[in-house]
Amino acid sequence: NGEQIAFASKSAERAFEEFRDVAESGGRFVYTTDP
């Protein structure tokens, strides 16, 4: 995490939208970058 260890997260609604965006764009495999 380097110097960026303070934790913060997206709302469940915004996170879900990003997964949906990937599916709608044709992607099928997703890796989250979250530590």
All heavy atoms as atom14 arrays in JSON, in Angstrom:
{
  "sequence": "NGEQIAFASKSAERAFEEFRDVAESGGRFVYTTDP",
  "atom14_mask": [
    [1, 1, 1, 1, 1, 1, 1, 1, 0, 0, 0, 0, 0, 0],
    [1, 1, 1, 1, 0, 0, 0, 0, 0, 0, 0, 0, 0, 0],
    [1, 1, 1, 1, 1, 1, 1, 1, 1, 0, 0, 0, 0, 0],
    [1, 1, 1, 1, 1, 1, 1, 1, 1, 0, 0, 0, 0, 0],
    [1, 1, 1, 1, 1, 1, 1, 1, 0, 0, 0, 0, 0, 0],
    [1, 1, 1, 1, 1, 0, 0, 0, 0, 0, 0, 0, 0, 0],
    [1, 1, 1, 1, 1, 1, 1, 1, 1, 1, 1, 0, 0, 0],
    [1, 1, 1, 1, 1, 0, 0, 0, 0, 0, 0, 0, 0, 0],
    [1, 1, 1, 1, 1, 1, 0, 0, 0, 0, 0, 0, 0, 0],
    [1, 1, 1, 1, 1, 1, 1, 1, 1, 0, 0, 0, 0, 0],
    [1, 1, 1, 1, 1, 1, 0, 0, 0, 0, 0, 0, 0, 0],
    [1, 1, 1, 1, 1, 0, 0, 0, 0, 0, 0, 0, 0, 0],
    [1, 1, 1, 1, 1, 1, 1, 1, 1, 0, 0, 0, 0, 0],
    [1, 1, 1, 1, 1, 1, 1, 1, 1, 1, 1, 0, 0, 0],
    [1, 1, 1, 1, 1, 0, 0, 0, 0, 0, 0, 0, 0, 0],
    [1, 1, 1, 1, 1, 1, 1, 1, 1, 1, 1, 0, 0, 0],
    [1, 1, 1, 1, 1, 1, 1, 1, 1, 0, 0, 0, 0, 0],
    [1, 1, 1, 1, 1, 1, 1, 1, 1, 0, 0, 0, 0, 0],
    [1, 1, 1, 1, 1, 1, 1, 1, 1, 1, 1, 0, 0, 0],
    [1, 1, 1, 1, 1, 1, 1, 1, 1, 1, 1, 0, 0, 0],
    [1, 1, 1, 1, 1, 1, 1, 1, 0, 0, 0, 0, 0, 0],
    [1, 1, 1, 1, 1, 1, 1, 0, 0, 0, 0, 0, 0, 0],
    [1, 1, 1, 1, 1, 0, 0, 0, 0, 0, 0, 0, 0, 0],
    [1, 1, 1, 1, 1, 1, 1, 1, 1, 0, 0, 0, 0, 0],
    [1, 1, 1, 1, 1, 1, 0, 0, 0, 0, 0, 0, 0, 0],
    [1, 1, 1, 1, 0, 0, 0, 0, 0, 0, 0, 0, 0, 0],
    [1, 1, 1, 1, 0, 0, 0, 0, 0, 0, 0, 0, 0, 0],
    [1, 1, 1, 1, 1, 1, 1, 1, 1, 1, 1, 0, 0, 0],
    [1, 1, 1, 1, 1, 1, 1, 1, 1, 1, 1, 0, 0, 0],
    [1, 1, 1, 1, 1, 1, 1, 0, 0, 0, 0, 0, 0, 0],
    [1, 1, 1, 1, 1, 1, 1, 1, 1, 1, 1, 1, 0, 0],
    [1, 1, 1, 1, 1, 1, 1, 0, 0, 0, 0, 0, 0, 0],
    [1, 1, 1, 1, 1, 1, 1, 0, 0, 0, 0, 0, 0, 0],
    [1, 1, 1, 1, 1, 1, 1, 1, 0, 0, 0, 0, 0, 0],
    [1, 1, 1, 1, 1, 1, 1, 0, 0, 0, 0, 0, 0, 0]
  ],
  "atom14_positions": [
    [[0.81, -1.22, 0.0], [0.0, 0.0, 0.0], [0.84, 1.27, 0.0], [0.3, 2.37, -0.11], [-0.93, 0.01, 1.22], [-2.01, -1.04, 1.11], [-2.95, -0.9, 0.37], [-1.84, -2.13, 1.85], [0.0, 0.0, 0.0], [0.0, 0.0, 0.0], [0.0, 0.0, 0.0], [0.0, 0.0, 0.0], [0.0, 0.0, 0.0], [0.0, 0.0, 0.0]],
    [[2.17, 1.12, 0.14], [3.01, 2.3, 0.18], [2.6, 3.23, 1.29], [2.35, 2.82, 2.42], [0.0, 0.0, 0.0], [0.0, 0.0, 0.0], [0.0, 0.0, 0.0], [0.0, 0.0, 0.0], [0.0, 0.0, 0.0], [0.0, 0.0, 0.0], [0.0, 0.0, 0.0], [0.0, 0.0, 0.0], [0.0, 0.0, 0.0], [0.0, 0.0, 0.0]],
    [[2.48, 4.49, 0.96], [2.06, 5.49, 1.94], [0.54, 5.68, 1.94], [0.01, 6.5, 2.67], [2.75, 6.82, 1.63], [4.26, 6.74, 1.77], [4.95, 8.05, 1.43], [4.52, 8.72, 0.47], [5.93, 8.39, 2.12], [0.0, 0.0, 0.0], [0.0, 0.0, 0.0], [0.0, 0.0, 0.0], [0.0, 0.0, 0.0], [0.0, 0.0, 0.0]],
    [[-0.16, 4.91, 1.1], [-1.6, 5.09, 0.96], [-2.35, 3.97, 1.69], [-3.19, 3.29, 1.13], [-1.99, 5.1, -0.53], [-1.05, 5.82, -1.46], [-0.87, 7.28, -1.1], [-1.79, 7.91, -0.61], [0.31, 7.82, -1.33], [0.0, 0.0, 0.0], [0.0, 0.0, 0.0], [0.0, 0.0, 0.0], [0.0, 0.0, 0.0], [0.0, 0.0, 0.0]],
    [[-2.06, 3.79, 2.96], [-2.64, 2.65, 3.68], [-4.0, 2.97, 4.29], [-4.76, 2.08, 4.64], [-1.66, 2.16, 4.77], [-1.98, 0.71, 5.15], [-1.68, 3.09, 5.99], [-0.9, 0.04, 5.95], [0.0, 0.0, 0.0], [0.0, 0.0, 0.0], [0.0, 0.0, 0.0], [0.0, 0.0, 0.0], [0.0, 0.0, 0.0], [0.0, 0.0, 0.0]],
    [[-4.35, 4.26, 4.41], [-5.66, 4.63, 4.97], [-6.76, 4.04, 4.1], [-6.76, 4.17, 2.87], [-5.78, 6.14, 5.04], [0.0, 0.0, 0.0], [0.0, 0.0, 0.0], [0.0, 0.0, 0.0], [0.0, 0.0, 0.0], [0.0, 0.0, 0.0], [0.0, 0.0, 0.0], [0.0, 0.0, 0.0], [0.0, 0.0, 0.0], [0.0, 0.0, 0.0]],
    [[-7.72, 3.37, 4.75], [-8.74, 2.64, 4.02], [-9.93, 3.53, 3.68], [-10.38, 4.33, 4.49], [-9.23, 1.45, 4.85], [-10.19, 0.56, 4.12], [-9.74, -0.32, 3.15], [-11.55, 0.62, 4.39], [-10.64, -1.14, 2.47], [-12.45, -0.2, 3.72], [-11.99, -1.08, 2.75], [0.0, 0.0, 0.0], [0.0, 0.0, 0.0], [0.0, 0.0, 0.0]],
    [[-10.42, 3.37, 2.46], [-11.64, 4.04, 2.02], [-12.3, 3.16, 0.98], [-11.61, 2.44, 0.24], [-11.34, 5.42, 1.44], [0.0, 0.0, 0.0], [0.0, 0.0, 0.0], [0.0, 0.0, 0.0], [0.0, 0.0, 0.0], [0.0, 0.0, 0.0], [0.0, 0.0, 0.0], [0.0, 0.0, 0.0], [0.0, 0.0, 0.0], [0.0, 0.0, 0.0]],
    [[-13.61, 3.22, 0.88], [-14.31, 2.35, -0.06], [-15.44, 3.1, -0.74], [-15.92, 4.14, -0.26], [-14.86, 1.12, 0.65], [-15.81, 1.49, 1.64], [0.0, 0.0, 0.0], [0.0, 0.0, 0.0], [0.0, 0.0, 0.0], [0.0, 0.0, 0.0], [0.0, 0.0, 0.0], [0.0, 0.0, 0.0], [0.0, 0.0, 0.0], [0.0, 0.0, 0.0]],
    [[-15.86, 2.57, -1.87], [-17.01, 3.11, -2.59], [-18.3, 2.57, -1.97], [-18.31, 1.52, -1.33], [-16.94, 2.72, -4.07], [-15.79, 3.41, -4.8], [-15.69, 2.96, -6.24], [-14.54, 3.7, -6.94], [-14.28, 3.19, -8.3], [0.0, 0.0, 0.0], [0.0, 0.0, 0.0], [0.0, 0.0, 0.0], [0.0, 0.0, 0.0], [0.0, 0.0, 0.0]],
    [[-19.37, 3.31, -2.19], [-20.67, 2.8, -1.77], [-20.98, 1.54, -2.54], [-20.47, 1.32, -3.65], [-21.75, 3.85, -2.02], [-21.9, 4.06, -3.42], [0.0, 0.0, 0.0], [0.0, 0.0, 0.0], [0.0, 0.0, 0.0], [0.0, 0.0, 0.0], [0.0, 0.0, 0.0], [0.0, 0.0, 0.0], [0.0, 0.0, 0.0], [0.0, 0.0, 0.0]],
    [[-21.82, 0.7, -1.98], [-22.2, -0.53, -2.67], [-22.87, -0.22, -4.0], [-22.68, -0.94, -4.99], [-23.13, -1.35, -1.78], [0.0, 0.0, 0.0], [0.0, 0.0, 0.0], [0.0, 0.0, 0.0], [0.0, 0.0, 0.0], [0.0, 0.0, 0.0], [0.0, 0.0, 0.0], [0.0, 0.0, 0.0], [0.0, 0.0, 0.0], [0.0, 0.0, 0.0]],
    [[-23.63, 0.89, -4.06], [-24.33, 1.25, -5.29], [-23.33, 1.61, -6.39], [-23.45, 1.14, -7.53], [-25.28, 2.42, -5.04], [-26.47, 2.08, -4.16], [-26.11, 1.92, -2.69], [-25.02, 2.39, -2.27], [-26.91, 1.33, -1.94], [0.0, 0.0, 0.0], [0.0, 0.0, 0.0], [0.0, 0.0, 0.0], [0.0, 0.0, 0.0], [0.0, 0.0, 0.0]],
    [[-22.33, 2.45, -6.05], [-21.34, 2.84, -7.06], [-20.49, 1.63, -7.47], [-20.21, 1.44, -8.67], [-20.45, 3.95, -6.49], [-19.19, 4.26, -7.32], [-19.48, 4.83, -8.7], [-18.26, 4.96, -9.47], [-17.51, 6.07, -9.52], [-17.86, 7.15, -8.83], [-16.41, 6.1, -10.26], [0.0, 0.0, 0.0], [0.0, 0.0, 0.0], [0.0, 0.0, 0.0]],
    [[-20.11, 0.81, -6.52], [-19.32, -0.38, -6.85], [-20.08, -1.29, -7.79], [-19.54, -1.78, -8.79], [-18.92, -1.12, -5.57], [0.0, 0.0, 0.0], [0.0, 0.0, 0.0], [0.0, 0.0, 0.0], [0.0, 0.0, 0.0], [0.0, 0.0, 0.0], [0.0, 0.0, 0.0], [0.0, 0.0, 0.0], [0.0, 0.0, 0.0], [0.0, 0.0, 0.0]],
    [[-21.35, -1.52, -7.5], [-22.16, -2.38, -8.35], [-22.24, -1.83, -9.77], [-22.15, -2.58, -10.76], [-23.57, -2.54, -7.79], [-24.49, -3.31, -8.69], [-24.41, -4.69, -8.77], [-25.42, -2.65, -9.48], [-25.24, -5.41, -9.62], [-26.26, -3.36, -10.33], [-26.16, -4.74, -10.41], [0.0, 0.0, 0.0], [0.0, 0.0, 0.0], [0.0, 0.0, 0.0]],
    [[-22.4, -0.51, -9.9], [-22.47, 0.1, -11.23], [-21.21, -0.18, -12.04], [-21.28, -0.38, -13.27], [-22.69, 1.61, -11.09], [-24.07, 2.0, -10.58], [-24.16, 3.47, -10.23], [-23.16, 4.2, -10.45], [-25.21, 3.9, -9.72], [0.0, 0.0, 0.0], [0.0, 0.0, 0.0], [0.0, 0.0, 0.0], [0.0, 0.0, 0.0], [0.0, 0.0, 0.0]],
    [[-20.06, -0.21, -11.37], [-18.82, -0.43, -12.12], [-18.7, -1.89, -12.58], [-18.2, -2.16, -13.67], [-17.62, 0.0, -11.27], [-17.67, 1.49, -10.96], [-16.34, 2.07, -10.52], [-15.3, 1.41, -10.73], [-16.35, 3.18, -9.97], [0.0, 0.0, 0.0], [0.0, 0.0, 0.0], [0.0, 0.0, 0.0], [0.0, 0.0, 0.0], [0.0, 0.0, 0.0]],
    [[-19.16, -2.82, -11.76], [-19.21, -4.2, -12.23], [-20.16, -4.32, -13.41], [-19.86, -5.01, -14.41], [-19.66, -5.13, -11.09], [-18.6, -5.4, -10.06], [-18.67, -4.83, -8.81], [-17.54, -6.24, -10.35], [-17.71, -5.09, -7.85], [-16.57, -6.51, -9.4], [-16.65, -5.93, -8.15], [0.0, 0.0, 0.0], [0.0, 0.0, 0.0], [0.0, 0.0, 0.0]],
    [[-21.29, -3.66, -13.32], [-22.27, -3.72, -14.41], [-21.7, -3.1, -15.68], [-21.94, -3.61, -16.79], [-23.55, -2.99, -13.99], [-24.71, -3.14, -14.98], [-25.93, -2.4, -14.48], [-25.61, -0.97, -14.3], [-26.34, -0.13, -13.56], [-27.41, -0.57, -12.93], [-26.0, 1.14, -13.45], [0.0, 0.0, 0.0], [0.0, 0.0, 0.0], [0.0, 0.0, 0.0]],
    [[-20.94, -2.0, -15.54], [-20.32, -1.37, -16.71], [-19.41, -2.35, -17.45], [-19.39, -2.4, -18.69], [-19.49, -0.15, -16.29], [-20.36, 1.02, -15.86], [-21.57, 0.99, -16.1], [-19.79, 1.97, -15.27], [0.0, 0.0, 0.0], [0.0, 0.0, 0.0], [0.0, 0.0, 0.0], [0.0, 0.0, 0.0], [0.0, 0.0, 0.0], [0.0, 0.0, 0.0]],
    [[-18.63, -3.12, -16.69], [-17.73, -4.09, -17.32], [-18.54, -5.13, -18.09], [-18.23, -5.47, -19.23], [-16.84, -4.77, -16.26], [-16.02, -5.9, -16.91], [-15.9, -3.77, -15.61], [0.0, 0.0, 0.0], [0.0, 0.0, 0.0], [0.0, 0.0, 0.0], [0.0, 0.0, 0.0], [0.0, 0.0, 0.0], [0.0, 0.0, 0.0], [0.0, 0.0, 0.0]],
    [[-19.6, -5.64, -17.46], [-20.42, -6.66, -18.12], [-21.05, -6.11, -19.4], [-21.08, -6.79, -20.43], [-21.5, -7.16, -17.16], [0.0, 0.0, 0.0], [0.0, 0.0, 0.0], [0.0, 0.0, 0.0], [0.0, 0.0, 0.0], [0.0, 0.0, 0.0], [0.0, 0.0, 0.0], [0.0, 0.0, 0.0], [0.0, 0.0, 0.0], [0.0, 0.0, 0.0]],
    [[-21.54, -4.87, -19.34], [-22.2, -4.29, -20.51], [-21.22, -3.96, -21.63], [-21.61, -3.89, -22.8], [-22.96, -3.03, -20.09], [-24.18, -3.36, -19.2], [-24.91, -2.11, -18.73], [-24.36, -0.99, -18.92], [-26.02, -2.25, -18.17], [0.0, 0.0, 0.0], [0.0, 0.0, 0.0], [0.0, 0.0, 0.0], [0.0, 0.0, 0.0], [0.0, 0.0, 0.0]],
    [[-19.94, -3.78, -21.28], [-18.94, -3.48, -22.32], [-18.35, -4.75, -22.92], [-17.5, -4.67, -23.82], [-17.81, -2.63, -21.73], [-17.07, -3.36, -20.77], [0.0, 0.0, 0.0], [0.0, 0.0, 0.0], [0.0, 0.0, 0.0], [0.0, 0.0, 0.0], [0.0, 0.0, 0.0], [0.0, 0.0, 0.0], [0.0, 0.0, 0.0], [0.0, 0.0, 0.0]],
    [[-18.79, -5.9, -22.46], [-18.32, -7.17, -23.04], [-17.29, -7.9, -22.21], [-16.89, -9.02, -22.56], [0.0, 0.0, 0.0], [0.0, 0.0, 0.0], [0.0, 0.0, 0.0], [0.0, 0.0, 0.0], [0.0, 0.0, 0.0], [0.0, 0.0, 0.0], [0.0, 0.0, 0.0], [0.0, 0.0, 0.0], [0.0, 0.0, 0.0], [0.0, 0.0, 0.0]],
    [[-16.82, -7.3, -21.12], [-15.86, -7.97, -20.26], [-16.52, -9.1, -19.49], [-17.71, -9.04, -19.16], [0.0, 0.0, 0.0], [0.0, 0.0, 0.0], [0.0, 0.0, 0.0], [0.0, 0.0, 0.0], [0.0, 0.0, 0.0], [0.0, 0.0, 0.0], [0.0, 0.0, 0.0], [0.0, 0.0, 0.0], [0.0, 0.0, 0.0], [0.0, 0.0, 0.0]],
    [[-15.75, -10.12, -19.19], [-16.29, -11.26, -18.46], [-15.47, -11.61, -17.21], [-15.96, -12.3, -16.34], [-16.38, -12.49, -19.38], [-17.44, -12.34, -20.47], [-18.82, -12.23, -19.87], [-19.88, -11.97, -20.86], [-20.4, -10.77, -21.09], [-19.94, -9.7, -20.43], [-21.36, -10.61, -21.97], [0.0, 0.0, 0.0], [0.0, 0.0, 0.0], [0.0, 0.0, 0.0]],
    [[-14.22, -11.17, -17.16], [-13.36, -11.47, -16.02], [-12.95, -10.17, -15.35], [-12.42, -9.26, -16.01], [-12.13, -12.26, -16.46], [-12.47, -13.55, -17.13], [-12.27, -13.73, -18.49], [-13.0, -14.61, -16.4], [-12.59, -14.91, -19.13], [-13.32, -15.8, -17.03], [-13.12, -15.96, -18.38], [0.0, 0.0, 0.0], [0.0, 0.0, 0.0], [0.0, 0.0, 0.0]],
    [[-13.18, -10.07, -14.04], [-12.92, -8.84, -13.29], [-11.99, -9.15, -12.13], [-12.24, -10.1, -11.37], [-14.22, -8.23, -12.74], [-13.92, -7.05, -11.83], [-15.13, -7.8, -13.89], [0.0, 0.0, 0.0], [0.0, 0.0, 0.0], [0.0, 0.0, 0.0], [0.0, 0.0, 0.0], [0.0, 0.0, 0.0], [0.0, 0.0, 0.0], [0.0, 0.0, 0.0]],
    [[-10.93, -8.37, -11.99], [-10.16, -8.44, -10.76], [-10.27, -7.09, -10.04], [-10.08, -6.04, -10.64], [-8.71, -8.85, -10.99], [-7.83, -7.84, -11.7], [-7.12, -6.87, -11.0], [-7.67, -7.88, -13.09], [-6.3, -5.97, -11.64], [-6.85, -6.99, -13.74], [-6.16, -6.03, -13.02], [-5.35, -5.13, -13.66], [0.0, 0.0, 0.0], [0.0, 0.0, 0.0]],
    [[-10.65, -7.15, -8.78], [-10.69, -5.92, -8.01], [-9.28, -5.6, -7.53], [-8.52, -6.49, -7.15], [-11.63, -6.03, -6.81], [-11.16, -7.06, -5.94], [-13.05, -6.35, -7.26], [0.0, 0.0, 0.0], [0.0, 0.0, 0.0], [0.0, 0.0, 0.0], [0.0, 0.0, 0.0], [0.0, 0.0, 0.0], [0.0, 0.0, 0.0], [0.0, 0.0, 0.0]],
    [[-8.93, -4.33, -7.55], [-7.6, -3.91, -7.13], [-7.53, -3.66, -5.63], [-6.47, -3.29, -5.12], [-7.18, -2.63, -7.88], [-8.06, -1.57, -7.52], [-7.22, -2.83, -9.38], [0.0, 0.0, 0.0], [0.0, 0.0, 0.0], [0.0, 0.0, 0.0], [0.0, 0.0, 0.0], [0.0, 0.0, 0.0], [0.0, 0.0, 0.0], [0.0, 0.0, 0.0]],
    [[-8.64, -3.86, -4.94], [-8.7, -3.59, -3.5], [-7.7, -4.45, -2.74], [-7.7, -5.68, -2.89], [-10.1, -3.89, -2.94], [-11.21, -3.25, -3.76], [-10.95, -2.83, -4.89], [-12.34, -3.2, -3.25], [0.0, 0.0, 0.0], [0.0, 0.0, 0.0], [0.0, 0.0, 0.0], [0.0, 0.0, 0.0], [0.0, 0.0, 0.0], [0.0, 0.0, 0.0]],
    [[-6.88, -3.86, -1.87], [-6.01, -4.69, -1.03], [-6.78, -5.57, -0.07], [-6.26, -6.59, 0.38], [-5.17, -3.65, -0.28], [-5.18, -2.43, -1.16], [-6.55, -2.43, -1.76], [0.0, 0.0, 0.0], [0.0, 0.0, 0.0], [0.0, 0.0, 0.0], [0.0, 0.0, 0.0], [0.0, 0.0, 0.0], [0.0, 0.0, 0.0], [0.0, 0.0, 0.0]]
  ]
}
